[in-house]
PDB file of N, CA and C in Angstrom:
ATOM      1  N   MET A   1      84.671   3.296  85.402  1.00  0.00           N
ATOM      2  CA  MET A   1      83.959   3.153  86.852  1.00  0.00           C
ATOM      3  C   MET A   1      85.894   2.420  87.357  1.00  0.00           C
ATOM      4  N   CYS A   2      86.039   3.063  88.471  1.00  0.00           N
ATOM      5  CA  CYS A   2      87.117   3.154  88.851  1.00  0.00           C
ATOM      6  C   CYS A   2      87.401   2.088  90.094  1.00  0.00           C
ATOM      7  N   VAL A   3      88.224   1.388  89.926  1.00  0.00           N
ATOM      8  CA  VAL A   3      88.734  -0.131  90.957  1.00  0.00           C
ATOM      9  C   VAL A   3      89.805   0.728  92.073  1.00  0.00           C
ATOM     10  N   SER A   4      89.763   0.551  92.887  1.00  0.00           N
ATOM     11  CA  SER A   4      90.323   0.661  93.807  1.00  0.00           C
ATOM     12  C   SER A   4      91.549  -0.132  94.142  1.00  0.00           C
ATOM     13  N   THR A   5      92.412   0.298  94.201  1.00  0.00           N
ATOM     14  CA  THR A   5      93.520  -0.329  94.614  1.00  0.00           C
ATOM     15  C   THR A   5      93.663  -1.525  95.670  1.00  0.00           C
ATOM     16  N   THR A   6      92.816  -0.939  96.521  1.00  0.00           N
ATOM     17  CA  THR A   6      92.999  -1.434  97.664  1.00  0.00           C
ATOM     18  C   THR A   6      91.815  -3.112  97.833  1.00  0.00           C
ATOM     19  N   GLU A   7      90.857  -3.008  96.874  1.00  0.00           N
ATOM     20  CA  GLU A   7      89.660  -4.371  96.443  1.00  0.00           C
ATOM     21  C   GLU A   7      91.033  -4.953  96.021  1.00  0.00           C
ATOM     22  N   GLN A   8      90.672  -6.233  96.195  1.00  0.00           N
ATOM     23  CA  GLN A   8      90.869  -7.319  96.124  1.00  0.00           C
ATOM     24  C   GLN A   8      90.141  -8.191  95.030  1.00  0.00           C
ATOM     25  N   VAL A   9      90.896  -8.792  93.694  1.00  0.00           N
ATOM     26  CA  VAL A   9      90.347  -9.801  92.903  1.00  0.00           C
ATOM     27  C   VAL A   9      89.898 -10.860  92.675  1.00  0.00           C
ATOM     28  N   PRO A  10      89.087 -11.493  93.492  1.00  0.00           N
ATOM     29  CA  PRO A  10      89.242 -13.157  93.612  1.00  0.00           C
ATOM     30  C   PRO A  10      90.081 -13.955  92.244  1.00  0.00           C
ATOM     31  N   GLU A  11      90.610 -14.992  92.480  1.00  0.00           N
ATOM     32  CA  GLU A  11      91.723 -15.450  91.819  1.00  0.00           C
ATOM     33  C   GLU A  11      90.588 -16.556  91.127  1.00  0.00           C
ATOM     34  N   ARG A  12      91.295 -16.964  90.097  1.00  0.00           N
ATOM     35  CA  ARG A  12      89.884 -17.762  89.662  1.00  0.00           C
ATOM     36  C   ARG A  12      91.073 -19.312  89.162  1.00  0.00           C
ATOM     37  N   ALA A  13      89.569 -20.540  89.154  1.00  0.00           N
ATOM     38  CA  ALA A  13      90.628 -21.573  88.661  1.00  0.00           C
ATOM     39  C   ALA A  13      91.830 -21.661  88.077  1.00  0.00           C
ATOM     40  N   PRO A  14      92.521 -22.581  88.654  1.00  0.00           N
ATOM     41  CA  PRO A  14      93.406 -22.811  87.455  1.00  0.00           C
ATOM     42  C   PRO A  14      92.867 -23.903  86.264  1.00  0.00           C
ATOM     43  N   LEU A  15      93.691 -23.622  85.149  1.00  0.00           N
ATOM     44  CA  LEU A  15      92.842 -24.532  84.355  1.00  0.00           C
ATOM     45  C   LEU A  15      94.341 -25.568  83.750  1.00  0.00           C
ATOM     46  N   THR A  16      93.099 -26.881  83.611  1.00  0.00           N
ATOM     47  CA  THR A  16      93.765 -27.490  82.555  1.00  0.00           C
ATOM     48  C   THR A  16      94.247 -27.669  81.602  1.00  0.00           C
ATOM     49  N   GLN A  17      95.491 -27.833  81.396  1.00  0.00           N
ATOM     50  CA  GLN A  17      96.618 -27.641  80.107  1.00  0.00           C
ATOM     51  C   GLN A  17      95.412 -28.047  78.856  1.00  0.00           C
ATOM     52  N   ASN A  18      94.707 -28.682  78.851  1.00  0.00           N
ATOM     53  CA  ASN A  18      93.492 -28.769  77.942  1.00  0.00           C
ATOM     54  C   ASN A  18      92.842 -27.579  77.728  1.00  0.00           C
ATOM     55  N   GLN A  19      92.292 -27.716  78.611  1.00  0.00           N
ATOM     56  CA  GLN A  19      91.693 -25.954  78.783  1.00  0.00           C
ATOM     57  C   GLN A  19      92.227 -24.834  78.155  1.00  0.00           C
ATOM     58  N   GLN A  20      93.500 -24.408  79.027  1.00  0.00           N
ATOM     59  CA  GLN A  20      94.144 -24.010  78.155  1.00  0.00           C
ATOM     60  C   GLN A  20      94.801 -23.856  77.090  1.00  0.00           C
ATOM     61  N   ARG A  21      94.942 -24.821  76.517  1.00  0.00           N
ATOM     62  CA  ARG A  21      94.870 -25.071  74.929  1.00  0.00           C
ATOM     63  C   ARG A  21      93.510 -24.546  73.888  1.00  0.00           C
ATOM     64  N   VAL A  22      92.366 -25.008  74.400  1.00  0.00           N
ATOM     65  CA  VAL A  22      90.983 -24.093  74.002  1.00  0.00           C
ATOM     66  C   VAL A  22      91.064 -22.856  74.080  1.00  0.00           C
ATOM     67  N   LEU A  23      91.327 -22.100  74.942  1.00  0.00           N
ATOM     68  CA  LEU A  23      91.657 -20.919  74.914  1.00  0.00           C
ATOM     69  C   LEU A  23      92.382 -20.112  74.117  1.00  0.00           C
ATOM     70  N   ASN A  24      93.812 -20.423  74.400  1.00  0.00           N
ATOM     71  CA  ASN A  24      95.245 -19.830  73.207  1.00  0.00           C
ATOM     72  C   ASN A  24      94.014 -20.202  72.474  1.00  0.00           C
ATOM     73  N   SER A  25      93.520 -21.311  71.843  1.00  0.00           N
ATOM     74  CA  SER A  25      93.236 -21.547  70.144  1.00  0.00           C
ATOM     75  C   SER A  25      92.282 -20.981  70.217  1.00  0.00           C
ATOM     76  N   LEU A  26      91.094 -20.230  70.488  1.00  0.00           N
ATOM     77  CA  LEU A  26      89.910 -19.227  70.588  1.00  0.00           C
ATOM     78  C   LEU A  26      89.916 -17.955  70.168  1.00  0.00           C
ATOM     79  N   ALA A  27      91.615 -17.959  71.203  1.00  0.00           N
ATOM     80  CA  ALA A  27      92.110 -16.245  71.164  1.00  0.00           C
ATOM     81  C   ALA A  27      93.207 -16.606  69.416  1.00  0.00           C
ATOM     82  N   ALA A  28      93.887 -17.389  69.363  1.00  0.00           N
ATOM     83  CA  ALA A  28      94.248 -17.191  67.991  1.00  0.00           C
ATOM     84  C   ALA A  28      93.122 -17.207  67.085  1.00  0.00           C
ATOM     85  N   PHE A  29      92.382 -18.151  67.125  1.00  0.00           N
ATOM     86  CA  PHE A  29      91.440 -18.380  66.418  1.00  0.00           C
ATOM     87  C   PHE A  29      90.949 -16.095  65.702  1.00  0.00           C
ATOM     88  N   TRP A  30      90.059 -16.594  66.502  1.00  0.00           N
ATOM     89  CA  TRP A  30      89.975 -14.632  67.188  1.00  0.00           C
ATOM     90  C   TRP A  30      90.836 -13.722  66.154  1.00  0.00           C
ATOM     91  N   GLN A  31      92.249 -13.807  66.710  1.00  0.00           N
ATOM     92  CA  GLN A  31      93.129 -13.099  65.890  1.00  0.00           C
ATOM     93  C   GLN A  31      93.554 -12.668  64.230  1.00  0.00           C
ATOM     94  N   GLU A  32      93.540 -14.088  64.298  1.00  0.00           N
ATOM     95  CA  GLU A  32      93.260 -14.555  62.641  1.00  0.00           C
ATOM     96  C   GLU A  32      92.512 -14.025  61.752  1.00  0.00           C
ATOM     97  N   ARG A  33      91.164 -14.717  62.528  1.00  0.00           N
ATOM     98  CA  ARG A  33      90.645 -14.366  61.162  1.00  0.00           C
ATOM     99  C   ARG A  33      88.945 -13.600  61.749  1.00  0.00           C
ATOM    100  N   GLN A  34      89.019 -12.556  62.633  1.00  0.00           N
ATOM    101  CA  GLN A  34      88.382 -11.323  63.003  1.00  0.00           C
ATOM    102  C   GLN A  34      86.811 -11.365  63.031  1.00  0.00           C
ATOM    103  N   ILE A  35      86.545 -13.331  63.486  1.00  0.00           N
ATOM    104  CA  ILE A  35      85.599 -13.733  64.275  1.00  0.00           C
ATOM    105  C   ILE A  35      85.388 -14.684  65.023  1.00  0.00           C
ATOM    106  N   PRO A  36      84.640 -15.071  66.154  1.00  0.00           N
ATOM    107  CA  PRO A  36      84.638 -16.409  67.734  1.00  0.00           C
ATOM    108  C   PRO A  36      85.123 -17.638  65.874  1.00  0.00           C
ATOM    109  N   PRO A  37      85.555 -18.581  66.153  1.00  0.00           N
ATOM    110  CA  PRO A  37      85.422 -19.314  65.877  1.00  0.00           C
ATOM    111  C   PRO A  37      83.833 -20.211  66.054  1.00  0.00           C
ATOM    112  N   THR A  38      84.015 -21.592  65.093  1.00  0.00           N
ATOM    113  CA  THR A  38      82.186 -22.679  65.881  1.00  0.00           C
ATOM    114  C   THR A  38      82.914 -22.710  66.583  1.00  0.00           C
ATOM    115  N   VAL A  39      82.397 -24.312  67.671  1.00  0.00           N
ATOM    116  CA  VAL A  39      82.770 -25.597  68.145  1.00  0.00           C
ATOM    117  C   VAL A  39      83.446 -26.502  67.434  1.00  0.00           C
ATOM    118  N   ARG A  40      82.796 -26.586  66.147  1.00  0.00           N
ATOM    119  CA  ARG A  40      83.171 -27.851  65.092  1.00  0.00           C
ATOM    120  C   ARG A  40      84.778 -26.913  64.594  1.00  0.00           C
ATOM    121  N   ASP A  41      84.605 -25.833  64.594  1.00  0.00           N
ATOM    122  CA  ASP A  41      86.312 -24.913  64.454  1.00  0.00           C
ATOM    123  C   ASP A  41      86.855 -25.039  64.749  1.00  0.00           C
ATOM    124  N   LEU A  42      86.728 -25.485  66.531  1.00  0.00           N
ATOM    125  CA  LEU A  42      87.910 -25.635  67.328  1.00  0.00           C
ATOM    126  C   LEU A  42      88.179 -27.135  67.565  1.00  0.00           C
ATOM    127  N   THR A  43      86.815 -27.690  67.074  1.00  0.00           N
ATOM    128  CA  THR A  43      87.480 -29.668  66.745  1.00  0.00           C
ATOM    129  C   THR A  43      88.480 -29.476  66.064  1.00  0.00           C
ATOM    130  N   THR A  44      88.599 -28.657  65.159  1.00  0.00           N
ATOM    131  CA  THR A  44      89.243 -29.255  63.647  1.00  0.00           C
ATOM    132  C   THR A  44      90.216 -28.825  64.233  1.00  0.00           C
ATOM    133  N   ARG A  45      90.627 -27.396  64.730  1.00  0.00           N
ATOM    134  CA  ARG A  45      91.827 -26.902  65.220  1.00  0.00           C
ATOM    135  C   ARG A  45      92.564 -27.435  66.200  1.00  0.00           C
ATOM    136  N   LEU A  46      92.427 -27.771  67.409  1.00  0.00           N
ATOM    137  CA  LEU A  46      92.381 -28.997  68.826  1.00  0.00           C
ATOM    138  C   LEU A  46      93.224 -30.208  68.258  1.00  0.00           C
ATOM    139  N   GLY A  47      92.478 -30.642  66.945  1.00  0.00           N
ATOM    140  CA  GLY A  47      92.704 -32.399  66.719  1.00  0.00           C
ATOM    141  C   GLY A  47      91.549 -33.427  67.508  1.00  0.00           C
ATOM    142  N   PHE A  48      90.834 -32.533  68.303  1.00  0.00           N
ATOM    143  CA  PHE A  48      89.765 -33.324  69.075  1.00  0.00           C
ATOM    144  C   PHE A  48      89.420 -34.145  67.895  1.00  0.00           C
ATOM    145  N   GLU A  49      88.802 -35.931  68.182  1.00  0.00           N
ATOM    146  CA  GLU A  49      88.095 -36.373  67.857  1.00  0.00           C
ATOM    147  C   GLU A  49      86.225 -36.042  67.529  1.00  0.00           C
ATOM    148  N   SER A  50      85.499 -35.280  68.884  1.00  0.00           N
ATOM    149  CA  SER A  50      84.911 -35.107  69.467  1.00  0.00           C
ATOM    150  C   SER A  50      84.246 -33.876  69.408  1.00  0.00           C
ATOM    151  N   THR A  51      83.186 -32.896  69.063  1.00  0.00           N
ATOM    152  CA  THR A  51      82.859 -31.533  69.626  1.00  0.00           C
ATOM    153  C   THR A  51      82.038 -31.869  70.494  1.00  0.00           C
ATOM    154  N   ASN A  52      81.825 -32.476  71.585  1.00  0.00           N
ATOM    155  CA  ASN A  52      81.500 -32.758  73.211  1.00  0.00           C
ATOM    156  C   ASN A  52      82.804 -32.920  73.961  1.00  0.00           C
ATOM    157  N   ALA A  53      84.088 -32.864  73.608  1.00  0.00           N
ATOM    158  CA  ALA A  53      85.284 -32.636  74.581  1.00  0.00           C
ATOM    159  C   ALA A  53      85.621 -31.503  74.498  1.00  0.00           C
ATOM    160  N   VAL A  54      85.399 -30.372  72.976  1.00  0.00           N
ATOM    161  CA  VAL A  54      85.378 -28.789  73.287  1.00  0.00           C
ATOM    162  C   VAL A  54      84.059 -28.313  74.065  1.00  0.00           C
ATOM    163  N   ARG A  55      83.054 -28.641  73.324  1.00  0.00           N
ATOM    164  CA  ARG A  55      81.659 -28.432  75.106  1.00  0.00           C
ATOM    165  C   ARG A  55      82.755 -28.235  76.012  1.00  0.00           C
ATOM    166  N   GLY A  56      82.510 -29.266  76.767  1.00  0.00           N
ATOM    167  CA  GLY A  56      83.078 -30.111  77.846  1.00  0.00           C
ATOM    168  C   GLY A  56      84.312 -28.442  78.484  1.00  0.00           C
ATOM    169  N   HIS A  57      85.505 -28.741  77.574  1.00  0.00           N
ATOM    170  CA  HIS A  57      86.212 -27.481  78.337  1.00  0.00           C
ATOM    171  C   HIS A  57      86.188 -26.262  78.200  1.00  0.00           C
ATOM    172  N   LEU A  58      84.720 -25.880  77.004  1.00  0.00           N
ATOM    173  CA  LEU A  58      85.149 -24.554  77.173  1.00  0.00           C
ATOM    174  C   LEU A  58      83.469 -23.810  78.201  1.00  0.00           C
ATOM    175  N   GLU A  59      82.922 -25.250  78.538  1.00  0.00           N
ATOM    176  CA  GLU A  59      82.247 -25.196  80.114  1.00  0.00           C
ATOM    177  C   GLU A  59      83.018 -25.249  80.876  1.00  0.00           C
ATOM    178  N   ALA A  60      83.950 -25.727  81.247  1.00  0.00           N
ATOM    179  CA  ALA A  60      84.442 -25.404  82.184  1.00  0.00           C
ATOM    180  C   ALA A  60      85.513 -24.294  82.325  1.00  0.00           C
ATOM    181  N   LEU A  61      85.606 -23.608  80.794  1.00  0.00           N
ATOM    182  CA  LEU A  61      86.345 -22.722  80.630  1.00  0.00           C
ATOM    183  C   LEU A  61      85.235 -21.392  81.276  1.00  0.00           C
ATOM    184  N   ARG A  62      83.717 -21.302  80.618  1.00  0.00           N
ATOM    185  CA  ARG A  62      82.717 -20.559  81.516  1.00  0.00           C
ATOM    186  C   ARG A  62      82.437 -20.535  82.930  1.00  0.00           C
ATOM    187  N   ARG A  63      82.597 -21.492  82.737  1.00  0.00           N
ATOM    188  CA  ARG A  63      82.601 -21.933  84.384  1.00  0.00           C
ATOM    189  C   ARG A  63      83.509 -20.952  86.138  1.00  0.00           C
ATOM    190  N   LYS A  64      84.905 -21.209  85.123  1.00  0.00           N
ATOM    191  CA  LYS A  64      85.990 -20.660  85.860  1.00  0.00           C
ATOM    192  C   LYS A  64      86.285 -18.666  85.478  1.00  0.00           C
ATOM    193  N   GLY A  65      84.594 -17.941  84.418  1.00  0.00           N
ATOM    194  CA  GLY A  65      84.724 -17.199  84.084  1.00  0.00           C
ATOM    195  C   GLY A  65      85.630 -16.804  83.832  1.00  0.00           C
ATOM    196  N   TYR A  66      85.975 -17.296  82.129  1.00  0.00           N
ATOM    197  CA  TYR A  66      87.018 -17.102  81.088  1.00  0.00           C
ATOM    198  C   TYR A  66      86.430 -16.793  80.256  1.00  0.00           C
ATOM    199  N   VAL A  67      85.357 -17.741  79.596  1.00  0.00           N
ATOM    200  CA  VAL A  67      84.700 -17.370  78.347  1.00  0.00           C
ATOM    201  C   VAL A  67      83.134 -17.095  78.356  1.00  0.00           C
ATOM    202  N   THR A  68      82.293 -16.624  77.675  1.00  0.00           N
ATOM    203  CA  THR A  68      80.740 -16.627  77.654  1.00  0.00           C
ATOM    204  C   THR A  68      80.122 -16.847  76.701  1.00  0.00           C
ATOM    205  N   TRP A  69      79.351 -17.300  75.996  1.00  0.00           N
ATOM    206  CA  TRP A  69      78.528 -17.356  74.791  1.00  0.00           C
ATOM    207  C   TRP A  69      76.822 -17.577  75.411  1.00  0.00           C
ATOM    208  N   GLU A  70      76.424 -17.371  73.528  1.00  0.00           N
ATOM    209  CA  GLU A  70      74.440 -17.120  73.749  1.00  0.00           C
ATOM    210  C   GLU A  70      74.459 -18.209  73.209  1.00  0.00           C
ATOM    211  N   PRO A  71      73.010 -19.396  74.351  1.00  0.00           N
ATOM    212  CA  PRO A  71      73.014 -20.302  73.545  1.00  0.00           C
ATOM    213  C   PRO A  71      72.120 -20.838  72.194  1.00  0.00           C
ATOM    214  N   LYS A  72      73.169 -21.272  71.454  1.00  0.00           N
ATOM    215  CA  LYS A  72      72.117 -21.954  70.226  1.00  0.00           C
ATOM    216  C   LYS A  72      72.261 -20.676  69.724  1.00  0.00           C
ATOM    217  N   VAL A  73      73.389 -20.293  69.370  1.00  0.00           N
ATOM    218  CA  VAL A  73      73.912 -18.780  68.522  1.00  0.00           C
ATOM    219  C   VAL A  73      75.444 -19.181  67.988  1.00  0.00           C
ATOM    220  N   GLN A  74      75.554 -19.392  66.661  1.00  0.00           N
ATOM    221  CA  GLN A  74      76.810 -20.115  66.298  1.00  0.00           C
ATOM    222  C   GLN A  74      77.579 -18.915  66.210  1.00  0.00           C
ATOM    223  N   ARG A  75      78.927 -18.530  66.448  1.00  0.00           N
ATOM    224  CA  ARG A  75      80.108 -17.877  66.545  1.00  0.00           C
ATOM    225  C   ARG A  75      80.183 -16.480  67.510  1.00  0.00           C
ATOM    226  N   SER A  76      79.216 -17.141  68.687  1.00  0.00           N
ATOM    227  CA  SER A  76      78.961 -16.170  69.727  1.00  0.00           C
ATOM    228  C   SER A  76      80.261 -16.471  71.036  1.00  0.00           C
ATOM    229  N   ILE A  77      80.920 -17.333  70.622  1.00  0.00           N
ATOM    230  CA  ILE A  77      82.146 -17.646  72.013  1.00  0.00           C
ATOM    231  C   ILE A  77      83.164 -16.364  71.996  1.00  0.00           C
ATOM    232  N   ARG A  78      83.036 -15.578  73.326  1.00  0.00           N
ATOM    233  CA  ARG A  78      83.876 -14.662  73.600  1.00  0.00           C
ATOM    234  C   ARG A  78      84.111 -14.833  74.711  1.00  0.00           C
ATOM    235  N   ILE A  79      86.068 -14.588  74.765  1.00  0.00           N
ATOM    236  CA  ILE A  79      87.089 -14.331  75.934  1.00  0.00           C
ATOM    237  C   ILE A  79      86.279 -13.424  76.410  1.00  0.00           C
ATOM    238  N   LEU A  80      86.617 -13.511  78.097  1.00  0.00           N
ATOM    239  CA  LEU A  80      86.376 -12.546  78.955  1.00  0.00           C
ATOM    240  C   LEU A  80      87.006 -11.584  78.745  1.00  0.00           C
ATOM    241  N   SER A  81      86.670  -9.890  78.951  1.00  0.00           N
ATOM    242  CA  SER A  81      88.395  -9.302  79.078  1.00  0.00           C
ATOM    243  C   SER A  81      89.138  -9.460  80.027  1.00  0.00           C
ATOM    244  N   GLU A  82      88.450  -9.854  81.281  1.00  0.00           N
ATOM    245  CA  GLU A  82      89.722  -9.911  82.469  1.00  0.00           C
ATOM    246  C   GLU A  82      90.165 -11.404  82.164  1.00  0.00           C
ATOM    247  N   ALA A  83      90.074 -12.142  81.628  1.00  0.00           N
ATOM    248  CA  ALA A  83      90.941 -13.393  80.911  1.00  0.00           C
ATOM    249  C   ALA A  83      91.998 -12.918  80.338  1.00  0.00           C
ATOM    250  N   ALA A  84      92.110 -12.314  79.020  1.00  0.00           N
ATOM    251  CA  ALA A  84      93.022 -11.544  78.241  1.00  0.00           C
ATOM    252  C   ALA A  84      94.116 -11.326  78.919  1.00  0.00           C
TER     253      ALA A  84
END
C-alpha cells in the first residue's frame, strides 16, 4: 500500500517517563532474546514491585497505539511497527 505524502498521520499521545521505560525495555528484551517478554519479565527487568504496574503501563501504551497483544496469551506483546 502506498501512502500519499500529502496525507497527514495523526500524532500519538506523548508517553510518560515510565511508559517510555516500559516500551524501551520491551524493545530491548525482543532484541536480546528474539521473543516477547512476559509481564513478569518486564516487572523484574524494570524493578517494579507489582505486575499490575506493568499491566497499567502496557494498557496505556495499547490505548496510545504503541503495542498490542492477545488477551490471556503469554509472550504475545508486540510493538506496532509505527511505534518503532
